[in-house]
Each structure stands twice: as structure tokens, then as C-alpha cells.
Amino acid sequence: MKRPAANGMFGRVATLLKLARWRGIARRYFVVNGFDGALTMLGLIVGFHVSGEVELAVVINACLGAAVALGVSGVSSAYISEVAEKRRELRELERAMAVELESSAYGRAARLLPLLIALVNGLAPLVLSLLIITPLWLAHYGVALPLTPLETALAVAFGLIFLLGVFLGRVSGVFWLWAGLRTLLIAVATGALVFLLTPR
């Protein structure tokens, strides 16, 4: 007896999300903030690598702190901006139609979308950052790695940034290899810039 009600609820949520055209917005936020998170971790790890002998716990704590800050910033900034934007859109539509839409399906979608977008915007950099620093955790707990912990983390960062480019290429219809190499080139340039600017 409970399953139809649940299906009906999920169906209504899916309809609201489709009405709000949330996929394109969420995809854009995921790529942009995920890219920011990956580049931030890349910059941190390159900086630590150039600095020489640094305790692994220090590197992990610094990267983890940055990852959490990126996640919280992503959630809060996206929620605040999207709530304001959707309220503005709703008010403009109400004025154009001369009706109250707050309790309508569109109004409910306008309230639901900022929350979902905020979660995507915060989870993207957090998850990618945690994936990048996973080799550091593994090394900290004694797991053998094919390269040094920092070098392995750098390889993971470059790999994830390449995959983000591939994803963008599939979305935009650009050849996947070229799209991946383009984002990878940005990552290499970022790492080189950090390398050159880091005091020794």
C-alpha cells in the first residue's frame, strides 16, 4: 500500500525538477565547481611537493580543510544565489501572468531547485577533492603505492581533470579526446605556475 504513494511522490518530484530544467543547471554547477576543487587540490599538492619533506599528516589536514571549505562554500553560495534568482524569475512570471504562482507546481519547483543545485555545487568539489587525496590517506595507513603519495595524488588529480573534460566534450558534442586534453592542459599549466611561484 505504501509503494504507490512513494511512487506518486517521486513522480511529482521528477515532474517538478523537469519543469525547472534542473539537469542543465546541475551539470554546469558540477563541472565548474568540481573543476575548481580539483585544481585547488592540484595546486596544494604541487606546492607541498616542491616544498620538500613535509609530514603526510600535515598535507592531508591542509587538503582536507580546503576540501571541506570548498564544499561548504559551494553549498552556501549556490543556495543563496539560486534562491535569489528563482525568486526573481517567479516574481517576473507572476507579473507577466497577473497570477500568484507561489503554491503552483512552478513555485514548488523554484523552491526545490536551489536546494538540489546547492548540494551538487558543494558535493562536486568535496568528492573530487577527497578522491584526489585518497592516495595520501592510503599511504598514511601503510598501503603501498606505485609512486610516492604526492605523485600518486597528482596522477589522480590529472586523471579526474581529464575525465571532467571528456564529460564536457560529450555534453557539448566536442571530440572527447580533444576536450579532455584541453582541460588537462589547463591543469598542467596550473601545476607549472604553482611550481614556478613556490619559494624553495
N, C-alpha and C. Protein backbone atom coordinates (compact mmCIF):
# COMPACT_ATOMS: atom_id res chain seq x y z
N MET A 1 0.82 -1.21 0.00
CA MET A 1 0.00 0.00 0.00
C MET A 1 0.86 1.26 0.00
N LYS A 2 2.05 1.19 0.55
CA LYS A 2 2.88 2.37 0.65
C LYS A 2 3.63 2.67 -0.65
N ARG A 3 3.86 1.64 -1.46
CA ARG A 3 4.69 1.82 -2.65
C ARG A 3 4.06 2.79 -3.65
N PRO A 4 2.74 2.68 -3.97
CA PRO A 4 2.15 3.64 -4.90
C PRO A 4 2.28 5.07 -4.43
N ALA A 5 2.12 5.30 -3.11
CA ALA A 5 2.25 6.65 -2.58
C ALA A 5 3.66 7.16 -2.78
N ALA A 6 4.63 6.28 -2.52
CA ALA A 6 6.03 6.68 -2.70
C ALA A 6 6.31 6.98 -4.17
N ASN A 7 5.79 6.07 -5.06
CA ASN A 7 5.98 6.31 -6.48
C ASN A 7 5.35 7.62 -6.92
N GLY A 8 4.17 7.89 -6.37
CA GLY A 8 3.50 9.15 -6.70
C GLY A 8 4.30 10.35 -6.24
N MET A 9 4.90 10.26 -5.05
CA MET A 9 5.71 11.36 -4.54
C MET A 9 6.93 11.59 -5.41
N PHE A 10 7.64 10.48 -5.75
CA PHE A 10 8.82 10.60 -6.59
C PHE A 10 8.45 11.11 -7.98
N GLY A 11 7.29 10.69 -8.45
CA GLY A 11 6.84 11.18 -9.76
C GLY A 11 6.61 12.67 -9.75
N ARG A 12 6.00 13.17 -8.66
CA ARG A 12 5.75 14.61 -8.56
C ARG A 12 7.07 15.37 -8.47
N VAL A 13 8.02 14.82 -7.69
CA VAL A 13 9.33 15.47 -7.58
C VAL A 13 10.02 15.51 -8.95
N ALA A 14 9.97 14.38 -9.68
CA ALA A 14 10.59 14.32 -11.00
C ALA A 14 9.96 15.33 -11.95
N THR A 15 8.63 15.47 -11.87
CA THR A 15 7.94 16.44 -12.71
C THR A 15 8.36 17.86 -12.38
N LEU A 16 8.48 18.15 -11.08
CA LEU A 16 8.91 19.48 -10.66
C LEU A 16 10.32 19.79 -11.16
N LEU A 17 11.20 18.80 -11.05
CA LEU A 17 12.59 19.01 -11.48
C LEU A 17 12.66 19.20 -12.99
N LYS A 18 11.85 18.44 -13.72
CA LYS A 18 11.82 18.60 -15.17
C LYS A 18 11.29 19.97 -15.54
N LEU A 19 10.29 20.43 -14.81
CA LEU A 19 9.72 21.74 -15.04
C LEU A 19 10.76 22.83 -14.81
N ALA A 20 11.62 22.63 -13.83
CA ALA A 20 12.64 23.63 -13.51
C ALA A 20 13.89 23.51 -14.38
N ARG A 21 13.91 22.54 -15.29
CA ARG A 21 15.06 22.32 -16.18
C ARG A 21 16.34 22.23 -15.35
N TRP A 22 16.33 21.32 -14.38
CA TRP A 22 17.41 21.30 -13.39
C TRP A 22 18.66 20.60 -13.91
N ARG A 23 18.54 19.71 -14.88
CA ARG A 23 19.69 18.91 -15.30
C ARG A 23 20.81 19.77 -15.87
N GLY A 24 20.46 20.68 -16.76
CA GLY A 24 21.47 21.53 -17.35
C GLY A 24 22.15 22.41 -16.32
N ILE A 25 21.35 22.95 -15.39
CA ILE A 25 21.91 23.81 -14.35
C ILE A 25 22.82 23.01 -13.43
N ALA A 26 22.37 21.82 -13.00
CA ALA A 26 23.17 20.99 -12.10
C ALA A 26 24.46 20.54 -12.79
N ARG A 27 24.36 20.19 -14.06
CA ARG A 27 25.56 19.76 -14.80
C ARG A 27 26.59 20.89 -14.86
N ARG A 28 26.12 22.09 -15.11
CA ARG A 28 27.02 23.25 -15.19
C ARG A 28 27.70 23.50 -13.84
N TYR A 29 26.93 23.46 -12.77
CA TYR A 29 27.50 23.67 -11.44
C TYR A 29 28.48 22.56 -11.08
N PHE A 30 28.14 21.32 -11.42
CA PHE A 30 29.02 20.20 -11.09
C PHE A 30 30.38 20.35 -11.76
N VAL A 31 30.36 20.66 -13.05
CA VAL A 31 31.61 20.79 -13.79
C VAL A 31 32.44 21.97 -13.29
N VAL A 32 31.79 23.11 -13.14
CA VAL A 32 32.53 24.33 -12.75
C VAL A 32 33.13 24.18 -11.37
N ASN A 33 32.33 23.79 -10.39
CA ASN A 33 32.86 23.70 -9.03
C ASN A 33 33.73 22.46 -8.83
N GLY A 34 33.41 21.38 -9.54
CA GLY A 34 34.28 20.21 -9.47
C GLY A 34 35.65 20.51 -10.03
N PHE A 35 35.70 21.26 -11.11
CA PHE A 35 36.96 21.68 -11.71
C PHE A 35 37.74 22.57 -10.74
N ASP A 36 37.03 23.48 -10.08
CA ASP A 36 37.68 24.34 -9.08
C ASP A 36 38.29 23.51 -7.95
N GLY A 37 37.54 22.54 -7.47
CA GLY A 37 38.03 21.70 -6.39
C GLY A 37 39.25 20.90 -6.80
N ALA A 38 39.21 20.32 -8.00
CA ALA A 38 40.34 19.52 -8.47
C ALA A 38 41.58 20.38 -8.66
N LEU A 39 41.42 21.56 -9.24
CA LEU A 39 42.57 22.45 -9.44
C LEU A 39 43.13 22.95 -8.11
N THR A 40 42.25 23.19 -7.13
CA THR A 40 42.72 23.61 -5.82
C THR A 40 43.58 22.53 -5.17
N MET A 41 43.10 21.28 -5.21
CA MET A 41 43.90 20.18 -4.66
C MET A 41 45.20 20.02 -5.43
N LEU A 42 45.14 20.17 -6.75
CA LEU A 42 46.35 20.07 -7.56
C LEU A 42 47.37 21.12 -7.14
N GLY A 43 46.92 22.35 -6.96
CA GLY A 43 47.82 23.42 -6.54
C GLY A 43 48.43 23.16 -5.18
N LEU A 44 47.62 22.69 -4.25
CA LEU A 44 48.12 22.39 -2.91
C LEU A 44 49.18 21.28 -2.94
N ILE A 45 48.88 20.23 -3.67
CA ILE A 45 49.80 19.09 -3.69
C ILE A 45 51.10 19.45 -4.40
N VAL A 46 51.02 20.21 -5.49
CA VAL A 46 52.24 20.66 -6.15
C VAL A 46 53.07 21.52 -5.21
N GLY A 47 52.40 22.41 -4.48
CA GLY A 47 53.11 23.26 -3.53
C GLY A 47 53.82 22.46 -2.45
N PHE A 48 53.14 21.47 -1.90
CA PHE A 48 53.78 20.62 -0.89
C PHE A 48 54.92 19.80 -1.49
N HIS A 49 54.71 19.33 -2.72
CA HIS A 49 55.73 18.51 -3.37
C HIS A 49 57.01 19.33 -3.61
N VAL A 50 56.86 20.57 -4.04
CA VAL A 50 58.01 21.43 -4.29
C VAL A 50 58.69 21.82 -2.99
N SER A 51 57.92 21.94 -1.92
CA SER A 51 58.48 22.39 -0.64
C SER A 51 59.45 21.39 -0.02
N GLY A 52 59.42 20.16 -0.50
CA GLY A 52 60.35 19.16 0.04
C GLY A 52 59.68 18.26 1.05
N GLU A 53 60.42 17.84 2.05
CA GLU A 53 59.93 16.89 3.04
C GLU A 53 58.88 17.54 3.95
N VAL A 54 57.64 17.12 3.79
CA VAL A 54 56.54 17.59 4.63
C VAL A 54 55.83 16.37 5.17
N GLU A 55 55.48 16.40 6.44
CA GLU A 55 54.78 15.26 7.03
C GLU A 55 53.46 15.01 6.32
N LEU A 56 53.19 13.75 6.06
CA LEU A 56 51.99 13.38 5.33
C LEU A 56 50.73 13.84 6.05
N ALA A 57 50.74 13.77 7.37
CA ALA A 57 49.57 14.22 8.14
C ALA A 57 49.28 15.69 7.91
N VAL A 58 50.34 16.50 7.79
CA VAL A 58 50.17 17.93 7.53
C VAL A 58 49.52 18.15 6.17
N VAL A 59 50.00 17.42 5.17
CA VAL A 59 49.44 17.55 3.82
C VAL A 59 47.96 17.13 3.82
N ILE A 60 47.67 16.02 4.46
CA ILE A 60 46.28 15.53 4.50
C ILE A 60 45.38 16.54 5.19
N ASN A 61 45.81 17.06 6.32
CA ASN A 61 44.98 18.01 7.06
C ASN A 61 44.74 19.29 6.27
N ALA A 62 45.79 19.78 5.60
CA ALA A 62 45.64 21.00 4.80
C ALA A 62 44.68 20.78 3.64
N CYS A 63 44.85 19.66 2.94
CA CYS A 63 43.98 19.37 1.80
C CYS A 63 42.55 19.10 2.26
N LEU A 64 42.39 18.39 3.38
CA LEU A 64 41.06 18.10 3.89
C LEU A 64 40.35 19.39 4.31
N GLY A 65 41.09 20.28 4.96
CA GLY A 65 40.50 21.56 5.35
C GLY A 65 40.04 22.35 4.14
N ALA A 66 40.85 22.37 3.08
CA ALA A 66 40.48 23.07 1.87
C ALA A 66 39.26 22.42 1.21
N ALA A 67 39.22 21.07 1.22
CA ALA A 67 38.10 20.35 0.61
C ALA A 67 36.78 20.66 1.32
N VAL A 68 36.82 20.63 2.65
CA VAL A 68 35.60 20.93 3.42
C VAL A 68 35.17 22.38 3.18
N ALA A 69 36.14 23.30 3.16
CA ALA A 69 35.81 24.71 2.93
C ALA A 69 35.19 24.90 1.55
N LEU A 70 35.73 24.22 0.54
CA LEU A 70 35.17 24.30 -0.81
C LEU A 70 33.74 23.75 -0.84
N GLY A 71 33.52 22.65 -0.12
CA GLY A 71 32.19 22.07 -0.08
C GLY A 71 31.17 22.98 0.58
N VAL A 72 31.53 23.52 1.74
CA VAL A 72 30.61 24.42 2.46
C VAL A 72 30.38 25.69 1.65
N SER A 73 31.44 26.23 1.06
CA SER A 73 31.29 27.43 0.24
C SER A 73 30.40 27.15 -0.96
N GLY A 74 30.58 25.97 -1.58
CA GLY A 74 29.76 25.64 -2.73
C GLY A 74 28.29 25.53 -2.39
N VAL A 75 27.98 24.87 -1.28
CA VAL A 75 26.58 24.72 -0.87
C VAL A 75 25.96 26.08 -0.56
N SER A 76 26.62 26.86 0.29
CA SER A 76 26.04 28.12 0.75
C SER A 76 25.93 29.14 -0.37
N SER A 77 26.99 29.29 -1.17
CA SER A 77 26.95 30.30 -2.23
C SER A 77 25.92 29.97 -3.30
N ALA A 78 25.86 28.70 -3.69
CA ALA A 78 24.89 28.31 -4.72
C ALA A 78 23.46 28.45 -4.20
N TYR A 79 23.23 28.07 -2.94
CA TYR A 79 21.87 28.16 -2.40
C TYR A 79 21.41 29.61 -2.34
N ILE A 80 22.26 30.48 -1.83
CA ILE A 80 21.89 31.90 -1.70
C ILE A 80 21.62 32.51 -3.07
N SER A 81 22.51 32.26 -4.03
CA SER A 81 22.36 32.87 -5.35
C SER A 81 21.17 32.28 -6.11
N GLU A 82 20.97 30.96 -6.00
CA GLU A 82 19.86 30.34 -6.72
C GLU A 82 18.50 30.71 -6.13
N VAL A 83 18.42 30.83 -4.81
CA VAL A 83 17.16 31.26 -4.19
C VAL A 83 16.79 32.65 -4.69
N ALA A 84 17.77 33.55 -4.70
CA ALA A 84 17.51 34.91 -5.17
C ALA A 84 17.10 34.92 -6.63
N GLU A 85 17.78 34.13 -7.45
CA GLU A 85 17.49 34.10 -8.88
C GLU A 85 16.11 33.52 -9.16
N LYS A 86 15.77 32.42 -8.48
CA LYS A 86 14.47 31.80 -8.71
C LYS A 86 13.33 32.67 -8.19
N ARG A 87 13.57 33.37 -7.09
CA ARG A 87 12.53 34.29 -6.60
C ARG A 87 12.29 35.40 -7.60
N ARG A 88 13.37 35.92 -8.17
CA ARG A 88 13.23 36.98 -9.18
C ARG A 88 12.46 36.47 -10.39
N GLU A 89 12.82 35.28 -10.87
CA GLU A 89 12.12 34.69 -12.02
C GLU A 89 10.64 34.49 -11.71
N LEU A 90 10.36 34.00 -10.49
CA LEU A 90 8.97 33.75 -10.11
C LEU A 90 8.17 35.04 -10.07
N ARG A 91 8.76 36.10 -9.49
CA ARG A 91 8.05 37.39 -9.41
C ARG A 91 7.81 37.96 -10.80
N GLU A 92 8.79 37.85 -11.69
CA GLU A 92 8.62 38.35 -13.06
C GLU A 92 7.53 37.59 -13.79
N LEU A 93 7.49 36.27 -13.60
CA LEU A 93 6.46 35.46 -14.24
C LEU A 93 5.08 35.79 -13.68
N GLU A 94 5.01 36.02 -12.37
CA GLU A 94 3.73 36.40 -11.75
C GLU A 94 3.23 37.73 -12.30
N ARG A 95 4.14 38.69 -12.46
CA ARG A 95 3.73 39.99 -13.01
C ARG A 95 3.27 39.85 -14.45
N ALA A 96 3.98 39.02 -15.23
CA ALA A 96 3.61 38.85 -16.63
C ALA A 96 2.26 38.15 -16.79
N MET A 97 1.97 37.19 -15.89
CA MET A 97 0.74 36.41 -15.99
C MET A 97 -0.38 36.97 -15.13
N ALA A 98 -0.02 37.90 -14.23
CA ALA A 98 -1.00 38.52 -13.33
C ALA A 98 -1.70 37.48 -12.45
N VAL A 99 -0.91 36.47 -12.02
CA VAL A 99 -1.44 35.45 -11.11
C VAL A 99 -0.40 35.15 -10.04
N GLU A 100 -0.87 34.56 -8.95
CA GLU A 100 0.03 34.16 -7.86
C GLU A 100 0.47 32.72 -8.11
N LEU A 101 1.81 32.50 -8.17
CA LEU A 101 2.35 31.19 -8.53
C LEU A 101 3.09 30.51 -7.38
N GLU A 102 3.07 31.11 -6.20
CA GLU A 102 3.83 30.57 -5.08
C GLU A 102 3.44 29.13 -4.75
N SER A 103 2.15 28.81 -4.82
CA SER A 103 1.67 27.48 -4.48
C SER A 103 1.51 26.57 -5.69
N SER A 104 1.92 27.05 -6.86
CA SER A 104 1.79 26.26 -8.08
C SER A 104 2.95 25.28 -8.20
N ALA A 105 2.87 24.39 -9.21
CA ALA A 105 3.95 23.44 -9.46
C ALA A 105 5.25 24.18 -9.77
N TYR A 106 5.14 25.26 -10.52
CA TYR A 106 6.34 26.04 -10.85
C TYR A 106 6.93 26.68 -9.59
N GLY A 107 6.06 27.15 -8.71
CA GLY A 107 6.54 27.74 -7.46
C GLY A 107 7.24 26.72 -6.58
N ARG A 108 6.68 25.50 -6.51
CA ARG A 108 7.33 24.45 -5.72
C ARG A 108 8.68 24.07 -6.33
N ALA A 109 8.72 24.02 -7.67
CA ALA A 109 9.98 23.71 -8.35
C ALA A 109 11.02 24.79 -8.07
N ALA A 110 10.59 26.03 -8.04
CA ALA A 110 11.51 27.14 -7.78
C ALA A 110 12.08 27.08 -6.37
N ARG A 111 11.34 26.48 -5.44
CA ARG A 111 11.85 26.34 -4.07
C ARG A 111 12.74 25.10 -3.93
N LEU A 112 12.44 24.06 -4.70
CA LEU A 112 13.20 22.81 -4.60
C LEU A 112 14.55 22.90 -5.31
N LEU A 113 14.56 23.57 -6.44
CA LEU A 113 15.77 23.60 -7.27
C LEU A 113 16.99 24.17 -6.56
N PRO A 114 16.89 25.31 -5.84
CA PRO A 114 18.09 25.83 -5.18
C PRO A 114 18.74 24.85 -4.21
N LEU A 115 17.93 24.06 -3.51
CA LEU A 115 18.49 23.09 -2.57
C LEU A 115 19.29 22.02 -3.31
N LEU A 116 18.73 21.49 -4.38
CA LEU A 116 19.42 20.45 -5.15
C LEU A 116 20.69 21.00 -5.81
N ILE A 117 20.59 22.19 -6.36
CA ILE A 117 21.76 22.80 -7.00
C ILE A 117 22.85 23.06 -5.97
N ALA A 118 22.45 23.50 -4.79
CA ALA A 118 23.43 23.75 -3.72
C ALA A 118 24.16 22.47 -3.33
N LEU A 119 23.41 21.35 -3.24
CA LEU A 119 24.04 20.07 -2.91
C LEU A 119 25.03 19.64 -3.99
N VAL A 120 24.64 19.78 -5.24
CA VAL A 120 25.54 19.43 -6.35
C VAL A 120 26.78 20.32 -6.32
N ASN A 121 26.56 21.61 -6.11
CA ASN A 121 27.66 22.57 -6.14
C ASN A 121 28.64 22.34 -4.99
N GLY A 122 28.13 21.86 -3.85
CA GLY A 122 29.02 21.60 -2.72
C GLY A 122 29.66 20.23 -2.77
N LEU A 123 28.90 19.24 -3.22
CA LEU A 123 29.44 17.87 -3.25
C LEU A 123 30.48 17.68 -4.35
N ALA A 124 30.34 18.40 -5.45
CA ALA A 124 31.28 18.21 -6.57
C ALA A 124 32.73 18.46 -6.16
N PRO A 125 33.07 19.64 -5.59
CA PRO A 125 34.46 19.84 -5.20
C PRO A 125 34.88 18.97 -4.02
N LEU A 126 33.94 18.70 -3.12
CA LEU A 126 34.28 17.88 -1.95
C LEU A 126 34.63 16.45 -2.37
N VAL A 127 33.78 15.84 -3.20
CA VAL A 127 34.01 14.46 -3.62
C VAL A 127 35.28 14.34 -4.46
N LEU A 128 35.46 15.24 -5.41
CA LEU A 128 36.66 15.18 -6.24
C LEU A 128 37.92 15.40 -5.42
N SER A 129 37.85 16.32 -4.47
CA SER A 129 39.00 16.57 -3.60
C SER A 129 39.33 15.35 -2.76
N LEU A 130 38.30 14.70 -2.21
CA LEU A 130 38.54 13.50 -1.40
C LEU A 130 39.13 12.37 -2.23
N LEU A 131 38.68 12.26 -3.48
CA LEU A 131 39.25 11.24 -4.36
C LEU A 131 40.74 11.52 -4.62
N ILE A 132 41.07 12.78 -4.79
CA ILE A 132 42.46 13.15 -5.09
C ILE A 132 43.38 12.88 -3.90
N ILE A 133 42.88 13.12 -2.70
CA ILE A 133 43.75 12.92 -1.53
C ILE A 133 43.65 11.50 -0.96
N THR A 134 42.85 10.65 -1.59
CA THR A 134 42.76 9.26 -1.13
C THR A 134 44.12 8.56 -1.10
N PRO A 135 45.00 8.73 -2.10
CA PRO A 135 46.33 8.09 -2.00
C PRO A 135 47.12 8.54 -0.78
N LEU A 136 46.92 9.76 -0.34
CA LEU A 136 47.63 10.25 0.85
C LEU A 136 47.15 9.50 2.09
N TRP A 137 45.84 9.29 2.18
CA TRP A 137 45.29 8.51 3.29
C TRP A 137 45.82 7.08 3.27
N LEU A 138 45.80 6.49 2.07
CA LEU A 138 46.26 5.11 1.96
C LEU A 138 47.71 4.97 2.39
N ALA A 139 48.55 5.90 1.94
CA ALA A 139 49.96 5.87 2.34
C ALA A 139 50.12 6.10 3.83
N HIS A 140 49.28 6.98 4.39
CA HIS A 140 49.35 7.27 5.82
C HIS A 140 49.06 6.02 6.65
N TYR A 141 48.20 5.14 6.14
CA TYR A 141 47.85 3.92 6.86
C TYR A 141 48.65 2.71 6.37
N GLY A 142 49.74 2.98 5.66
CA GLY A 142 50.68 1.92 5.33
C GLY A 142 50.44 1.16 4.05
N VAL A 143 49.53 1.62 3.21
CA VAL A 143 49.27 0.94 1.94
C VAL A 143 50.36 1.31 0.94
N ALA A 144 50.93 0.32 0.28
CA ALA A 144 51.98 0.58 -0.71
C ALA A 144 51.39 1.15 -1.99
N LEU A 145 52.04 2.18 -2.52
CA LEU A 145 51.59 2.84 -3.74
C LEU A 145 52.66 2.70 -4.82
N PRO A 146 52.27 2.74 -6.09
CA PRO A 146 53.27 2.60 -7.17
C PRO A 146 54.24 3.77 -7.25
N LEU A 147 53.78 4.96 -6.81
CA LEU A 147 54.62 6.16 -6.78
C LEU A 147 54.62 6.69 -5.36
N THR A 148 55.31 7.80 -5.13
CA THR A 148 55.23 8.45 -3.83
C THR A 148 53.79 8.92 -3.61
N PRO A 149 53.36 9.14 -2.35
CA PRO A 149 51.98 9.56 -2.10
C PRO A 149 51.58 10.83 -2.86
N LEU A 150 52.46 11.84 -2.86
CA LEU A 150 52.13 13.09 -3.54
C LEU A 150 52.06 12.89 -5.06
N GLU A 151 52.98 12.11 -5.60
CA GLU A 151 52.96 11.85 -7.04
C GLU A 151 51.72 11.07 -7.45
N THR A 152 51.31 10.11 -6.61
CA THR A 152 50.09 9.36 -6.91
C THR A 152 48.87 10.26 -6.85
N ALA A 153 48.83 11.15 -5.86
CA ALA A 153 47.71 12.09 -5.75
C ALA A 153 47.68 13.02 -6.96
N LEU A 154 48.84 13.45 -7.43
CA LEU A 154 48.90 14.29 -8.63
C LEU A 154 48.37 13.54 -9.85
N ALA A 155 48.73 12.28 -9.97
CA ALA A 155 48.24 11.46 -11.09
C ALA A 155 46.72 11.34 -11.05
N VAL A 156 46.18 11.14 -9.85
CA VAL A 156 44.72 11.06 -9.71
C VAL A 156 44.08 12.39 -10.09
N ALA A 157 44.68 13.50 -9.65
CA ALA A 157 44.15 14.82 -9.97
C ALA A 157 44.13 15.05 -11.47
N PHE A 158 45.23 14.75 -12.14
CA PHE A 158 45.28 14.93 -13.59
C PHE A 158 44.26 14.02 -14.29
N GLY A 159 44.12 12.79 -13.79
CA GLY A 159 43.16 11.88 -14.39
C GLY A 159 41.73 12.36 -14.25
N LEU A 160 41.36 12.85 -13.07
CA LEU A 160 40.00 13.34 -12.85
C LEU A 160 39.72 14.59 -13.67
N ILE A 161 40.70 15.48 -13.77
CA ILE A 161 40.52 16.69 -14.57
C ILE A 161 40.35 16.33 -16.05
N PHE A 162 41.10 15.34 -16.51
CA PHE A 162 40.93 14.86 -17.89
C PHE A 162 39.52 14.31 -18.10
N LEU A 163 39.02 13.53 -17.13
CA LEU A 163 37.67 12.96 -17.24
C LEU A 163 36.60 14.04 -17.22
N LEU A 164 36.81 15.11 -16.46
CA LEU A 164 35.87 16.23 -16.49
C LEU A 164 35.81 16.84 -17.88
N GLY A 165 36.97 16.95 -18.51
CA GLY A 165 37.00 17.45 -19.88
C GLY A 165 36.27 16.54 -20.84
N VAL A 166 36.46 15.24 -20.67
CA VAL A 166 35.76 14.26 -21.51
C VAL A 166 34.25 14.41 -21.34
N PHE A 167 33.82 14.56 -20.08
CA PHE A 167 32.39 14.74 -19.80
C PHE A 167 31.86 16.00 -20.49
N LEU A 168 32.63 17.09 -20.40
CA LEU A 168 32.21 18.33 -21.07
C LEU A 168 32.13 18.14 -22.58
N GLY A 169 33.09 17.39 -23.12
CA GLY A 169 33.08 17.14 -24.54
C GLY A 169 31.84 16.38 -24.99
N ARG A 170 31.44 15.38 -24.20
CA ARG A 170 30.24 14.61 -24.53
C ARG A 170 29.00 15.48 -24.47
N VAL A 171 28.96 16.39 -23.48
CA VAL A 171 27.80 17.27 -23.34
C VAL A 171 27.71 18.25 -24.50
N SER A 172 28.85 18.82 -24.89
CA SER A 172 28.86 19.86 -25.91
C SER A 172 29.02 19.33 -27.33
N GLY A 173 29.26 18.03 -27.48
CA GLY A 173 29.42 17.46 -28.81
C GLY A 173 30.81 17.61 -29.38
N VAL A 174 31.78 18.01 -28.55
CA VAL A 174 33.18 18.13 -28.98
C VAL A 174 33.85 16.76 -28.84
N PHE A 175 34.81 16.47 -29.73
CA PHE A 175 35.52 15.20 -29.68
C PHE A 175 36.09 15.00 -28.28
N TRP A 176 35.80 13.85 -27.67
CA TRP A 176 36.10 13.64 -26.26
C TRP A 176 37.59 13.77 -25.94
N LEU A 177 38.45 13.29 -26.84
CA LEU A 177 39.88 13.34 -26.55
C LEU A 177 40.38 14.77 -26.54
N TRP A 178 39.94 15.56 -27.50
CA TRP A 178 40.35 16.96 -27.53
C TRP A 178 39.84 17.70 -26.29
N ALA A 179 38.59 17.44 -25.90
CA ALA A 179 38.03 18.11 -24.72
C ALA A 179 38.80 17.72 -23.46
N GLY A 180 39.15 16.44 -23.33
CA GLY A 180 39.91 16.00 -22.17
C GLY A 180 41.31 16.59 -22.15
N LEU A 181 41.97 16.62 -23.31
CA LEU A 181 43.32 17.18 -23.38
C LEU A 181 43.31 18.67 -23.08
N ARG A 182 42.24 19.35 -23.45
CA ARG A 182 42.16 20.79 -23.20
C ARG A 182 42.12 21.08 -21.70
N THR A 183 41.30 20.35 -20.96
CA THR A 183 41.27 20.56 -19.51
C THR A 183 42.56 20.08 -18.86
N LEU A 184 43.14 19.03 -19.42
CA LEU A 184 44.41 18.54 -18.88
C LEU A 184 45.52 19.57 -19.08
N LEU A 185 45.49 20.26 -20.20
CA LEU A 185 46.47 21.32 -20.46
C LEU A 185 46.34 22.45 -19.44
N ILE A 186 45.10 22.78 -19.09
CA ILE A 186 44.88 23.81 -18.06
C ILE A 186 45.46 23.35 -16.73
N ALA A 187 45.28 22.06 -16.39
CA ALA A 187 45.81 21.53 -15.14
C ALA A 187 47.34 21.56 -15.15
N VAL A 188 47.95 21.19 -16.27
CA VAL A 188 49.42 21.21 -16.37
C VAL A 188 49.92 22.64 -16.23
N ALA A 189 49.25 23.59 -16.88
CA ALA A 189 49.66 25.00 -16.77
C ALA A 189 49.53 25.49 -15.34
N THR A 190 48.46 25.07 -14.65
CA THR A 190 48.28 25.47 -13.25
C THR A 190 49.39 24.91 -12.38
N GLY A 191 49.69 23.62 -12.56
CA GLY A 191 50.76 23.00 -11.79
C GLY A 191 52.10 23.66 -12.05
N ALA A 192 52.37 23.98 -13.32
CA ALA A 192 53.64 24.63 -13.67
C ALA A 192 53.73 26.02 -13.04
N LEU A 193 52.62 26.73 -13.02
CA LEU A 193 52.62 28.07 -12.42
C LEU A 193 52.88 28.00 -10.92
N VAL A 194 52.24 27.06 -10.25
CA VAL A 194 52.48 26.88 -8.82
C VAL A 194 53.93 26.48 -8.57
N PHE A 195 54.46 25.60 -9.40
CA PHE A 195 55.85 25.16 -9.29
C PHE A 195 56.81 26.34 -9.41
N LEU A 196 56.56 27.22 -10.36
CA LEU A 196 57.44 28.36 -10.59
C LEU A 196 57.35 29.42 -9.48
N LEU A 197 56.17 29.56 -8.89
CA LEU A 197 55.96 30.61 -7.89
C LEU A 197 56.24 30.18 -6.48
N THR A 198 56.37 28.87 -6.23
CA THR A 198 56.57 28.38 -4.88
C THR A 198 58.02 28.60 -4.44
N PRO A 199 58.25 29.30 -3.30
CA PRO A 199 59.62 29.51 -2.83
C PRO A 199 60.28 28.18 -2.45
N ARG A 200 61.58 28.11 -2.66
CA ARG A 200 62.31 26.90 -2.33
C ARG A 200 63.36 27.18 -1.26
